[in-house]
Protein backbone atom coordinates (compact mmCIF):
# COMPACT_ATOMS: atom_id res chain seq x y z
CA UNK A 1 0.00 0.00 0.00
CA UNK A 2 1.26 3.44 -0.86
CA UNK A 3 0.94 6.18 1.73
CA UNK A 4 -2.56 7.62 1.83
CA UNK A 5 -3.60 10.85 3.49
CA UNK A 6 -5.82 10.56 6.54
CA UNK A 7 -5.65 14.35 6.56
CA UNK A 8 -4.33 16.15 3.45
CA UNK A 9 -2.14 19.16 4.22
CA UNK A 10 -4.12 22.01 5.77
CA UNK A 11 -3.38 25.32 7.42
CA UNK A 12 -5.46 25.55 10.57
CA UNK A 13 -5.99 28.21 13.23
CA UNK A 14 -8.35 26.28 15.51
CA UNK A 15 -8.99 22.82 16.92
CA UNK A 16 -10.67 20.41 14.54
CA UNK A 17 -11.10 16.95 13.09
CA UNK A 18 -10.94 15.24 9.73
CA UNK A 19 -13.70 13.40 7.95
CA UNK A 20 -14.05 9.70 8.72
CA UNK A 21 -11.74 7.56 6.57
CA UNK A 22 -12.81 3.99 5.70
CA UNK A 23 -10.01 1.46 6.23
CA UNK A 24 -11.24 -1.02 3.59
CA UNK A 25 -8.22 -3.17 2.55
CA UNK A 26 -6.07 -2.31 5.58
CA UNK A 27 -8.61 -3.12 8.29
CA UNK A 28 -7.03 -5.07 11.14
CA UNK A 29 -3.45 -4.38 10.02
CA UNK A 30 -0.56 -2.40 11.50
CA UNK A 31 -0.21 1.11 10.14
CA UNK A 32 2.69 3.52 10.10
CA UNK A 33 1.31 7.04 10.53
CA UNK A 34 3.30 10.13 9.62
CA UNK A 35 2.54 13.58 10.98
CA UNK A 36 4.18 16.28 8.88
CA UNK A 37 4.26 19.80 10.32
CA UNK A 38 5.10 22.27 7.56
CA UNK A 39 4.26 25.60 9.17
CA UNK A 40 4.26 26.83 12.75
CA UNK A 41 4.54 30.02 14.78
CA UNK A 42 6.63 30.38 17.91
CA UNK A 43 5.16 29.63 21.32
CA UNK A 44 2.47 27.20 20.26
CA UNK A 45 1.74 23.49 20.55
CA UNK A 46 -0.08 20.88 18.48
CA UNK A 47 -1.70 17.70 19.81
CA UNK A 48 -2.78 15.18 17.15
CA UNK A 49 -4.78 12.08 18.06
CA UNK A 50 -6.23 9.19 16.07
CA UNK A 51 -9.73 7.92 16.77
CA UNK A 52 -11.31 4.66 15.60
CA UNK A 53 -14.90 3.59 15.04
CA UNK A 54 -16.84 0.55 13.84
CA UNK A 55 -19.89 2.59 12.80
CA UNK A 56 -18.85 6.28 12.36
CA UNK A 57 -20.94 7.19 15.41
CA UNK A 58 -19.07 5.83 18.43
CA UNK A 59 -15.46 6.98 18.41
CA UNK A 60 -12.65 6.04 20.79
CA UNK A 61 -9.08 7.19 21.11
CA UNK A 62 -6.69 4.58 19.67
CA UNK A 63 -3.43 6.54 19.32
CA UNK A 64 -1.77 9.93 19.71
CA UNK A 65 1.43 11.65 18.70
CA UNK A 66 3.36 13.28 21.54
CA UNK A 67 2.72 17.04 21.76
CA UNK A 68 4.67 18.94 19.07
CA UNK A 69 6.22 22.40 18.99
CA UNK A 70 8.38 22.35 15.81
CA UNK A 71 8.20 21.66 12.07
CA UNK A 72 9.26 18.18 11.03
CA UNK A 73 7.97 14.69 10.32
CA UNK A 74 7.03 12.34 13.11
CA UNK A 75 6.03 8.65 13.01
CA UNK A 76 3.61 6.57 15.04
CA UNK A 77 2.92 2.84 14.70
CA UNK A 78 -0.74 1.96 15.10
CA UNK A 79 -1.43 -1.77 15.52
CA UNK A 80 -5.02 -2.58 14.59
CA UNK A 81 -4.52 -6.36 14.48
CA UNK A 82 -6.25 -6.72 17.86
CA UNK A 83 -9.03 -4.33 16.87
CA UNK A 84 -10.66 -5.86 13.77
CA UNK A 85 -13.93 -4.06 14.54
CA UNK A 86 -12.38 -0.68 13.69
CA UNK A 87 -13.50 0.21 10.18
CA UNK A 88 -12.99 4.00 10.23
CA UNK A 89 -10.29 6.39 11.39
CA UNK A 90 -10.47 10.09 12.17
CA UNK A 91 -7.73 12.61 12.95
CA UNK A 92 -8.38 15.17 15.67
CA UNK A 93 -6.15 18.08 16.65
CA UNK A 94 -5.90 20.59 19.46
CA UNK A 95 -3.78 23.73 19.36
CA UNK A 96 -2.31 25.83 22.13
CA UNK A 97 -0.70 29.27 22.10
CA UNK A 98 0.92 31.38 24.78
CA UNK A 99 2.87 34.60 25.20
CA UNK A 100 3.15 36.33 21.78
CA UNK A 101 1.19 39.14 20.17
CA UNK A 102 -0.37 36.82 17.54
CA UNK A 103 -3.63 35.79 19.24
CA UNK A 104 -4.44 32.62 17.31
CA UNK A 105 -2.29 29.54 16.72
CA UNK A 106 -1.34 28.67 13.14
CA UNK A 107 -0.21 25.26 11.92
CA UNK A 108 0.32 23.73 8.50
CA UNK A 109 0.28 19.95 8.79
CA UNK A 110 -0.86 16.60 7.35
CA UNK A 111 -1.24 13.00 8.48
CA UNK A 112 -0.57 10.06 6.17
CA UNK A 113 -0.83 6.30 6.70
CA UNK A 114 0.72 3.26 5.11
CA UNK A 115 0.74 -0.39 5.98
CA UNK A 116 3.58 -1.17 8.36
CA UNK A 117 5.77 -4.10 7.36
CA UNK A 118 7.34 -5.88 10.28
CA UNK A 119 10.42 -8.02 9.70
CA UNK A 120 11.16 -10.75 12.19
CA UNK A 121 14.67 -12.09 12.44
CA UNK A 122 15.00 -15.74 13.37
CA UNK A 123 17.84 -17.66 14.85
CA UNK A 124 19.78 -19.97 12.57
């Protein structure tokens, strides 16, 4: 599977969430998620979490990136092999700002997902 966007790149100034994304062919598999932060102001923070649902109505937290303060790319492994009921994912974000004259936070960011391939080394 090629990387697919759970959240295409956006520039946001407030907390929010993505549309629900159907897992289809990758349901019950391990995913490698990438958070890319492309734009940021000083003295602000971004919290990005991943929520899962079987029916698009009842959502529960299934993963989260550590709080971020800088541009860069960050990875998170999300193992859904023990959660075959999860058919949809959603990205949620919360922003914080302190100190500066600019009153609102500003972030440019995206979240992509691809199937994680685990290699197991055996003893000879």
